[in-house]
Amino acid sequence: MYSRVYLYICEAGGSMQAIWYVLIGLAAGWMAGQLVRGGGFGIVGDVLVGVCGAVLGGVLFDVLGLSSGGGRLGSLIVATVGAVVFLLLLRLIRKA
């Protein structure tokens, strides 16, 4: 899965893809922070949660055989679902 994420970022227009990846990660991290009660982690934290969530969401969608339809909106949906799951896991670990 890591190679898919790496290839996604490095495909044609690699630097622009990386910028989109960070922007989608920021939006997904912010939305996950709003959906899962509690404030966000700040801009840097939201980006990290969103990007980790994007990777986790991609893995979950692959394992479950789901499709988001592709495109930027599909990426945002996958990243947000993954970020919500990631936040829930972080909160469980923090409480333990």
Foldseek 3Di string as FASTA:
>chain_A
DVVVVVCQCCPPVNVVSVVLLQVLQQVLLQVLPVVPDDHGPPRVRSSVLLNQLLVQLVVVCVVVVHFQPDDSVSSSVSSNVSSNVVVVVVVVVVVD
